[in-house]
Amino acid sequence: MDIREFTRELEVLRAYRGGYVGSNLLEALEKARLLIPRIRIRYPDPVARRFWAEAHDERMGQLKLTMEPNGPRWETDLAPVV
């Protein structure tokens, strides 16, 4: 289940009474040890930087380290499903 599905389920079930059910809620619940993921996917640093850069176009110039380049690995294995 991805973050969008998780937050939709919380809203439908009215399981979380906070004012905002957003993408940071999952991490906050995990930090408080109220939710423990069964699987945690960890990407190599260049891939994580590429994900971040694509989500933050306005701040892309701040990255100093390498990002995952375009190529067969990025296009087939790592590209996020939209």
PDB file of N, CA and C in Angstrom:
ATOM      1  N   MET A   1       0.860  -1.170   0.000  1.00  0.00           N
ATOM      2  CA  MET A   1       0.000   0.000   0.000  1.00  0.00           C
ATOM      3  C   MET A   1       0.904   1.229   0.000  1.00  0.00           C
ATOM      4  N   ASP A   2       0.671   2.125  -0.916  1.00  0.00           N
ATOM      5  CA  ASP A   2       1.476   3.339  -0.941  1.00  0.00           C
ATOM      6  C   ASP A   2       0.843   4.422  -0.054  1.00  0.00           C
ATOM      7  N   ILE A   3       1.501   5.557   0.036  1.00  0.00           N
ATOM      8  CA  ILE A   3       1.048   6.628   0.934  1.00  0.00           C
ATOM      9  C   ILE A   3      -0.347   7.115   0.564  1.00  0.00           C
ATOM     10  N   ARG A   4      -0.601   7.272  -0.733  1.00  0.00           N
ATOM     11  CA  ARG A   4      -1.923   7.764  -1.150  1.00  0.00           C
ATOM     12  C   ARG A   4      -3.032   6.812  -0.737  1.00  0.00           C
ATOM     13  N   GLU A   5      -2.825   5.513  -0.941  1.00  0.00           N
ATOM     14  CA  GLU A   5      -3.833   4.530  -0.539  1.00  0.00           C
ATOM     15  C   GLU A   5      -4.026   4.544   0.979  1.00  0.00           C
ATOM     16  N   PHE A   6      -2.918   4.628   1.715  1.00  0.00           N
ATOM     17  CA  PHE A   6      -2.969   4.639   3.166  1.00  0.00           C
ATOM     18  C   PHE A   6      -3.764   5.835   3.684  1.00  0.00           C
ATOM     19  N   THR A   7      -3.477   7.028   3.160  1.00  0.00           N
ATOM     20  CA  THR A   7      -4.192   8.212   3.636  1.00  0.00           C
ATOM     21  C   THR A   7      -5.659   8.181   3.239  1.00  0.00           C
ATOM     22  N   ARG A   8      -5.966   7.618   2.055  1.00  0.00           N
ATOM     23  CA  ARG A   8      -7.376   7.478   1.664  1.00  0.00           C
ATOM     24  C   ARG A   8      -8.120   6.570   2.624  1.00  0.00           C
ATOM     25  N   GLU A   9      -7.487   5.459   2.996  1.00  0.00           N
ATOM     26  CA  GLU A   9      -8.119   4.533   3.938  1.00  0.00           C
ATOM     27  C   GLU A   9      -8.337   5.197   5.296  1.00  0.00           C
ATOM     28  N   LEU A  10      -7.362   5.966   5.757  1.00  0.00           N
ATOM     29  CA  LEU A  10      -7.531   6.673   7.024  1.00  0.00           C
ATOM     30  C   LEU A  10      -8.704   7.637   6.974  1.00  0.00           C
ATOM     31  N   GLU A  11      -8.830   8.339   5.864  1.00  0.00           N
ATOM     32  CA  GLU A  11      -9.937   9.290   5.733  1.00  0.00           C
ATOM     33  C   GLU A  11     -11.283   8.572   5.693  1.00  0.00           C
ATOM     34  N   VAL A  12     -11.370   7.483   4.936  1.00  0.00           N
ATOM     35  CA  VAL A  12     -12.623   6.728   4.827  1.00  0.00           C
ATOM     36  C   VAL A  12     -13.010   6.149   6.187  1.00  0.00           C
ATOM     37  N   LEU A  13     -12.047   5.578   6.880  1.00  0.00           N
ATOM     38  CA  LEU A  13     -12.319   4.960   8.178  1.00  0.00           C
ATOM     39  C   LEU A  13     -12.418   5.976   9.316  1.00  0.00           C
ATOM     40  N   ARG A  14     -12.043   7.206   9.035  1.00  0.00           N
ATOM     41  CA  ARG A  14     -11.960   8.255  10.065  1.00  0.00           C
ATOM     42  C   ARG A  14     -11.128   7.767  11.250  1.00  0.00           C
ATOM     43  N   ALA A  15     -10.005   7.118  10.910  1.00  0.00           N
ATOM     44  CA  ALA A  15      -9.134   6.519  11.918  1.00  0.00           C
ATOM     45  C   ALA A  15      -8.143   7.508  12.497  1.00  0.00           C
ATOM     46  N   TYR A  16      -7.959   8.616  11.837  1.00  0.00           N
ATOM     47  CA  TYR A  16      -7.023   9.626  12.329  1.00  0.00           C
ATOM     48  C   TYR A  16      -7.768  10.938  12.475  1.00  0.00           C
ATOM     49  N   ARG A  17      -7.781  11.472  13.664  1.00  0.00           N
ATOM     50  CA  ARG A  17      -8.566  12.674  13.929  1.00  0.00           C
ATOM     51  C   ARG A  17      -7.757  13.962  13.805  1.00  0.00           C
ATOM     52  N   GLY A  18      -6.531  13.866  13.338  1.00  0.00           N
ATOM     53  CA  GLY A  18      -5.722  15.063  13.154  1.00  0.00           C
ATOM     54  C   GLY A  18      -6.319  15.957  12.079  1.00  0.00           C
ATOM     55  N   GLY A  19      -5.881  17.184  12.052  1.00  0.00           N
ATOM     56  CA  GLY A  19      -6.417  18.131  11.093  1.00  0.00           C
ATOM     57  C   GLY A  19      -6.002  17.856   9.668  1.00  0.00           C
ATOM     58  N   TYR A  20      -4.876  17.173   9.469  1.00  0.00           N
ATOM     59  CA  TYR A  20      -4.365  16.977   8.119  1.00  0.00           C
ATOM     60  C   TYR A  20      -3.844  15.561   7.965  1.00  0.00           C
ATOM     61  N   VAL A  21      -4.337  14.883   6.961  1.00  0.00           N
ATOM     62  CA  VAL A  21      -3.841  13.549   6.637  1.00  0.00           C
ATOM     63  C   VAL A  21      -3.053  13.702   5.346  1.00  0.00           C
ATOM     64  N   GLY A  22      -1.733  13.776   5.469  1.00  0.00           N
ATOM     65  CA  GLY A  22      -0.899  14.005   4.305  1.00  0.00           C
ATOM     66  C   GLY A  22       0.242  13.013   4.224  1.00  0.00           C
ATOM     67  N   SER A  23       1.167  13.303   3.331  1.00  0.00           N
ATOM     68  CA  SER A  23       2.249  12.367   3.055  1.00  0.00           C
ATOM     69  C   SER A  23       3.225  12.217   4.222  1.00  0.00           C
ATOM     70  N   ASN A  24       3.314  13.195   5.114  1.00  0.00           N
ATOM     71  CA  ASN A  24       4.233  13.090   6.252  1.00  0.00           C
ATOM     72  C   ASN A  24       3.634  12.318   7.420  1.00  0.00           C
ATOM     73  N   LEU A  25       2.351  12.043   7.362  1.00  0.00           N
ATOM     74  CA  LEU A  25       1.692  11.351   8.466  1.00  0.00           C
ATOM     75  C   LEU A  25       2.279   9.959   8.683  1.00  0.00           C
ATOM     76  N   LEU A  26       2.539   9.238   7.605  1.00  0.00           N
ATOM     77  CA  LEU A  26       3.090   7.891   7.716  1.00  0.00           C
ATOM     78  C   LEU A  26       4.407   7.896   8.480  1.00  0.00           C
ATOM     79  N   GLU A  27       5.300   8.834   8.130  1.00  0.00           N
ATOM     80  CA  GLU A  27       6.583   8.928   8.820  1.00  0.00           C
ATOM     81  C   GLU A  27       6.409   9.332  10.283  1.00  0.00           C
ATOM     82  N   ALA A  28       5.459  10.224  10.554  1.00  0.00           N
ATOM     83  CA  ALA A  28       5.208  10.651  11.931  1.00  0.00           C
ATOM     84  C   ALA A  28       4.692   9.491  12.779  1.00  0.00           C
ATOM     85  N   LEU A  29       3.785   8.686  12.236  1.00  0.00           N
ATOM     86  CA  LEU A  29       3.267   7.534  12.968  1.00  0.00           C
ATOM     87  C   LEU A  29       4.361   6.491  13.199  1.00  0.00           C
ATOM     88  N   GLU A  30       5.242   6.336  12.213  1.00  0.00           N
ATOM     89  CA  GLU A  30       6.348   5.398  12.372  1.00  0.00           C
ATOM     90  C   GLU A  30       7.332   5.899  13.432  1.00  0.00           C
ATOM     91  N   LYS A  31       7.623   7.188  13.424  1.00  0.00           N
ATOM     92  CA  LYS A  31       8.537   7.762  14.415  1.00  0.00           C
ATOM     93  C   LYS A  31       7.995   7.597  15.835  1.00  0.00           C
ATOM     94  N   ALA A  32       6.672   7.716  15.972  1.00  0.00           N
ATOM     95  CA  ALA A  32       6.039   7.544  17.282  1.00  0.00           C
ATOM     96  C   ALA A  32       5.863   6.071  17.644  1.00  0.00           C
ATOM     97  N   ARG A  33       6.295   5.181  16.741  1.00  0.00           N
ATOM     98  CA  ARG A  33       6.200   3.725  16.930  1.00  0.00           C
ATOM     99  C   ARG A  33       4.747   3.253  17.009  1.00  0.00           C
ATOM    100  N   LEU A  34       3.829   4.010  16.383  1.00  0.00           N
ATOM    101  CA  LEU A  34       2.430   3.597  16.315  1.00  0.00           C
ATOM    102  C   LEU A  34       2.160   2.762  15.073  1.00  0.00           C
ATOM    103  N   LEU A  35       3.090   2.826  14.139  1.00  0.00           N
ATOM    104  CA  LEU A  35       2.968   2.099  12.893  1.00  0.00           C
ATOM    105  C   LEU A  35       4.356   1.599  12.523  1.00  0.00           C
ATOM    106  N   ILE A  36       4.450   0.326  12.198  1.00  0.00           N
ATOM    107  CA  ILE A  36       5.734  -0.254  11.828  1.00  0.00           C
ATOM    108  C   ILE A  36       5.564  -0.917  10.463  1.00  0.00           C
ATOM    109  N   PRO A  37       6.289  -0.438   9.453  1.00  0.00           N
ATOM    110  CA  PRO A  37       6.142  -1.024   8.121  1.00  0.00           C
ATOM    111  C   PRO A  37       6.670  -2.449   8.066  1.00  0.00           C
ATOM    112  N   ARG A  38       6.023  -3.277   7.291  1.00  0.00           N
ATOM    113  CA  ARG A  38       6.506  -4.653   7.109  1.00  0.00           C
ATOM    114  C   ARG A  38       7.728  -4.672   6.213  1.00  0.00           C
ATOM    115  N   ILE A  39       7.743  -3.766   5.252  1.00  0.00           N
ATOM    116  CA  ILE A  39       8.860  -3.695   4.309  1.00  0.00           C
ATOM    117  C   ILE A  39       9.258  -2.229   4.157  1.00  0.00           C
ATOM    118  N   ARG A  40      10.535  -1.960   4.180  1.00  0.00           N
ATOM    119  CA  ARG A  40      11.040  -0.609   3.945  1.00  0.00           C
ATOM    120  C   ARG A  40      11.951  -0.671   2.732  1.00  0.00           C
ATOM    121  N   ILE A  41      11.620   0.078   1.701  1.00  0.00           N
ATOM    122  CA  ILE A  41      12.434   0.095   0.491  1.00  0.00           C
ATOM    123  C   ILE A  41      13.462   1.203   0.630  1.00  0.00           C
ATOM    124  N   ARG A  42      14.711   0.846   0.442  1.00  0.00           N
ATOM    125  CA  ARG A  42      15.796   1.818   0.500  1.00  0.00           C
ATOM    126  C   ARG A  42      16.434   1.908  -0.884  1.00  0.00           C
ATOM    127  N   TYR A  43      16.506   3.110  -1.398  1.00  0.00           N
ATOM    128  CA  TYR A  43      17.126   3.341  -2.693  1.00  0.00           C
ATOM    129  C   TYR A  43      18.554   3.831  -2.504  1.00  0.00           C
ATOM    130  N   PRO A  44      19.436   3.553  -3.464  1.00  0.00           N
ATOM    131  CA  PRO A  44      20.783   4.118  -3.405  1.00  0.00           C
ATOM    132  C   PRO A  44      20.700   5.651  -3.406  1.00  0.00           C
ATOM    133  N   ASP A  45      21.683   6.315  -2.828  1.00  0.00           N
ATOM    134  CA  ASP A  45      21.661   7.772  -2.709  1.00  0.00           C
ATOM    135  C   ASP A  45      21.429   8.503  -4.030  1.00  0.00           C
ATOM    136  N   PRO A  46      22.103   8.126  -5.129  1.00  0.00           N
ATOM    137  CA  PRO A  46      21.837   8.846  -6.378  1.00  0.00           C
ATOM    138  C   PRO A  46      20.380   8.741  -6.836  1.00  0.00           C
ATOM    139  N   VAL A  47      19.758   7.612  -6.576  1.00  0.00           N
ATOM    140  CA  VAL A  47      18.356   7.428  -6.954  1.00  0.00           C
ATOM    141  C   VAL A  47      17.457   8.280  -6.060  1.00  0.00           C
ATOM    142  N   ALA A  48      17.719   8.281  -4.770  1.00  0.00           N
ATOM    143  CA  ALA A  48      16.926   9.097  -3.844  1.00  0.00           C
ATOM    144  C   ALA A  48      17.047  10.576  -4.197  1.00  0.00           C
ATOM    145  N   ARG A  49      18.250  11.023  -4.564  1.00  0.00           N
ATOM    146  CA  ARG A  49      18.416  12.416  -4.971  1.00  0.00           C
ATOM    147  C   ARG A  49      17.614  12.722  -6.235  1.00  0.00           C
ATOM    148  N   ARG A  50      17.563  11.778  -7.159  1.00  0.00           N
ATOM    149  CA  ARG A  50      16.791  11.978  -8.389  1.00  0.00           C
ATOM    150  C   ARG A  50      15.299  12.095  -8.068  1.00  0.00           C
ATOM    151  N   PHE A  51      14.784  11.221  -7.195  1.00  0.00           N
ATOM    152  CA  PHE A  51      13.381  11.329  -6.781  1.00  0.00           C
ATOM    153  C   PHE A  51      13.112  12.702  -6.174  1.00  0.00           C
ATOM    154  N   TRP A  52      14.007  13.147  -5.276  1.00  0.00           N
ATOM    155  CA  TRP A  52      13.832  14.436  -4.614  1.00  0.00           C
ATOM    156  C   TRP A  52      13.861  15.571  -5.630  1.00  0.00           C
ATOM    157  N   ALA A  53      14.822  15.529  -6.543  1.00  0.00           N
ATOM    158  CA  ALA A  53      14.966  16.598  -7.534  1.00  0.00           C
ATOM    159  C   ALA A  53      13.730  16.704  -8.422  1.00  0.00           C
ATOM    160  N   GLU A  54      13.157  15.587  -8.803  1.00  0.00           N
ATOM    161  CA  GLU A  54      11.973  15.623  -9.654  1.00  0.00           C
ATOM    162  C   GLU A  54      10.747  16.133  -8.906  1.00  0.00           C
ATOM    163  N   ALA A  55      10.728  15.956  -7.600  1.00  0.00           N
ATOM    164  CA  ALA A  55       9.611  16.462  -6.802  1.00  0.00           C
ATOM    165  C   ALA A  55       9.801  17.924  -6.412  1.00  0.00           C
ATOM    166  N   HIS A  56      11.028  18.441  -6.522  1.00  0.00           N
ATOM    167  CA  HIS A  56      11.346  19.809  -6.108  1.00  0.00           C
ATOM    168  C   HIS A  56      12.087  20.540  -7.227  1.00  0.00           C
ATOM    169  N   ASP A  57      11.448  20.695  -8.363  1.00  0.00           N
ATOM    170  CA  ASP A  57      12.096  21.327  -9.517  1.00  0.00           C
ATOM    171  C   ASP A  57      12.673  22.694  -9.186  1.00  0.00           C
ATOM    172  N   GLU A  58      11.972  23.462  -8.364  1.00  0.00           N
ATOM    173  CA  GLU A  58      12.405  24.828  -8.062  1.00  0.00           C
ATOM    174  C   GLU A  58      13.715  24.867  -7.272  1.00  0.00           C
ATOM    175  N   ARG A  59      14.088  23.778  -6.615  1.00  0.00           N
ATOM    176  CA  ARG A  59      15.297  23.756  -5.785  1.00  0.00           C
ATOM    177  C   ARG A  59      16.360  22.800  -6.336  1.00  0.00           C
ATOM    178  N   MET A  60      16.215  22.396  -7.583  1.00  0.00           N
ATOM    179  CA  MET A  60      17.120  21.411  -8.149  1.00  0.00           C
ATOM    180  C   MET A  60      18.573  21.880  -8.164  1.00  0.00           C
ATOM    181  N   GLY A  61      18.815  23.165  -8.301  1.00  0.00           N
ATOM    182  CA  GLY A  61      20.171  23.691  -8.328  1.00  0.00           C
ATOM    183  C   GLY A  61      20.912  23.528  -7.015  1.00  0.00           C
ATOM    184  N   GLN A  62      20.228  23.179  -5.946  1.00  0.00           N
ATOM    185  CA  GLN A  62      20.867  23.015  -4.641  1.00  0.00           C
ATOM    186  C   GLN A  62      21.614  21.692  -4.517  1.00  0.00           C
ATOM    187  N   LEU A  63      21.348  20.746  -5.399  1.00  0.00           N
ATOM    188  CA  LEU A  63      22.007  19.450  -5.305  1.00  0.00           C
ATOM    189  C   LEU A  63      23.453  19.551  -5.784  1.00  0.00           C
ATOM    190  N   LYS A  64      24.361  19.072  -4.982  1.00  0.00           N
ATOM    191  CA  LYS A  64      25.780  19.099  -5.327  1.00  0.00           C
ATOM    192  C   LYS A  64      26.296  17.708  -5.722  1.00  0.00           C
ATOM    193  N   LEU A  65      25.679  16.672  -5.218  1.00  0.00           N
ATOM    194  CA  LEU A  65      26.133  15.308  -5.479  1.00  0.00           C
ATOM    195  C   LEU A  65      25.411  14.724  -6.690  1.00  0.00           C
ATOM    196  N   THR A  66      25.895  13.595  -7.172  1.00  0.00           N
ATOM    197  CA  THR A  66      25.357  13.006  -8.390  1.00  0.00           C
ATOM    198  C   THR A  66      23.956  12.433  -8.201  1.00  0.00           C
ATOM    199  N   MET A  67      23.213  12.471  -9.305  1.00  0.00           N
ATOM    200  CA  MET A  67      21.882  11.870  -9.356  1.00  0.00           C
ATOM    201  C   MET A  67      21.915  10.717 -10.337  1.00  0.00           C
ATOM    202  N   GLU A  68      20.960   9.833 -10.206  1.00  0.00           N
ATOM    203  CA  GLU A  68      20.831   8.712 -11.148  1.00  0.00           C
ATOM    204  C   GLU A  68      20.554   9.281 -12.542  1.00  0.00           C
ATOM    205  N   PRO A  69      21.376   8.922 -13.535  1.00  0.00           N
ATOM    206  CA  PRO A  69      21.158   9.452 -14.885  1.00  0.00           C
ATOM    207  C   PRO A  69      20.035   8.701 -15.598  1.00  0.00           C
ATOM    208  N   ASN A  70      19.559   9.298 -16.678  1.00  0.00           N
ATOM    209  CA  ASN A  70      18.612   8.597 -17.540  1.00  0.00           C
ATOM    210  C   ASN A  70      19.315   7.373 -18.109  1.00  0.00           C
ATOM    211  N   GLY A  71      18.570   6.335 -18.288  1.00  0.00           N
ATOM    212  CA  GLY A  71      19.151   5.119 -18.824  1.00  0.00           C
ATOM    213  C   GLY A  71      18.233   3.947 -18.559  1.00  0.00           C
ATOM    214  N   PRO A  72      18.640   2.767 -18.962  1.00  0.00           N
ATOM    215  CA  PRO A  72      17.763   1.604 -18.812  1.00  0.00           C
ATOM    216  C   PRO A  72      17.420   1.280 -17.364  1.00  0.00           C
ATOM    217  N   ARG A  73      18.354   1.465 -16.431  1.00  0.00           N
ATOM    218  CA  ARG A  73      18.054   1.155 -15.030  1.00  0.00           C
ATOM    219  C   ARG A  73      16.984   2.088 -14.491  1.00  0.00           C
ATOM    220  N   TRP A  74      17.120   3.385 -14.765  1.00  0.00           N
ATOM    221  CA  TRP A  74      16.139   4.350 -14.275  1.00  0.00           C
ATOM    222  C   TRP A  74      14.776   4.124 -14.929  1.00  0.00           C
ATOM    223  N   GLU A  75      14.768   3.905 -16.201  1.00  0.00           N
ATOM    224  CA  GLU A  75      13.503   3.805 -16.937  1.00  0.00           C
ATOM    225  C   GLU A  75      12.737   2.518 -16.652  1.00  0.00           C
ATOM    226  N   THR A  76      13.419   1.435 -16.332  1.00  0.00           N
ATOM    227  CA  THR A  76      12.697   0.171 -16.127  1.00  0.00           C
ATOM    228  C   THR A  76      12.526  -0.211 -14.666  1.00  0.00           C
ATOM    229  N   ASP A  77      13.550  -0.038 -13.860  1.00  0.00           N
ATOM    230  CA  ASP A  77      13.507  -0.561 -12.494  1.00  0.00           C
ATOM    231  C   ASP A  77      13.137   0.473 -11.440  1.00  0.00           C
ATOM    232  N   LEU A  78      13.514   1.727 -11.634  1.00  0.00           N
ATOM    233  CA  LEU A  78      13.420   2.681 -10.552  1.00  0.00           C
ATOM    234  C   LEU A  78      12.397   3.779 -10.751  1.00  0.00           C
ATOM    235  N   ALA A  79      11.922   3.961 -11.942  1.00  0.00           N
ATOM    236  CA  ALA A  79      10.992   5.048 -12.190  1.00  0.00           C
ATOM    237  C   ALA A  79       9.714   4.844 -11.380  1.00  0.00           C
ATOM    238  N   PRO A  80       9.280   5.888 -10.660  1.00  0.00           N
ATOM    239  CA  PRO A  80       8.061   5.753  -9.857  1.00  0.00           C
ATOM    240  C   PRO A  80       6.831   5.569 -10.747  1.00  0.00           C
ATOM    241  N   VAL A  81       5.903   4.796 -10.286  1.00  0.00           N
ATOM    242  CA  VAL A  81       4.656   4.561 -11.025  1.00  0.00           C
ATOM    243  C   VAL A  81       3.719   5.709 -10.734  1.00  0.00           C
ATOM    244  N   VAL A  82       3.234   6.348 -11.786  1.00  0.00           N
ATOM    245  CA  VAL A  82       2.340   7.508 -11.610  1.00  0.00           C
ATOM    246  C   VAL A  82       0.938   7.145 -12.018  1.00  0.00           C
TER     247      VAL A  82
END
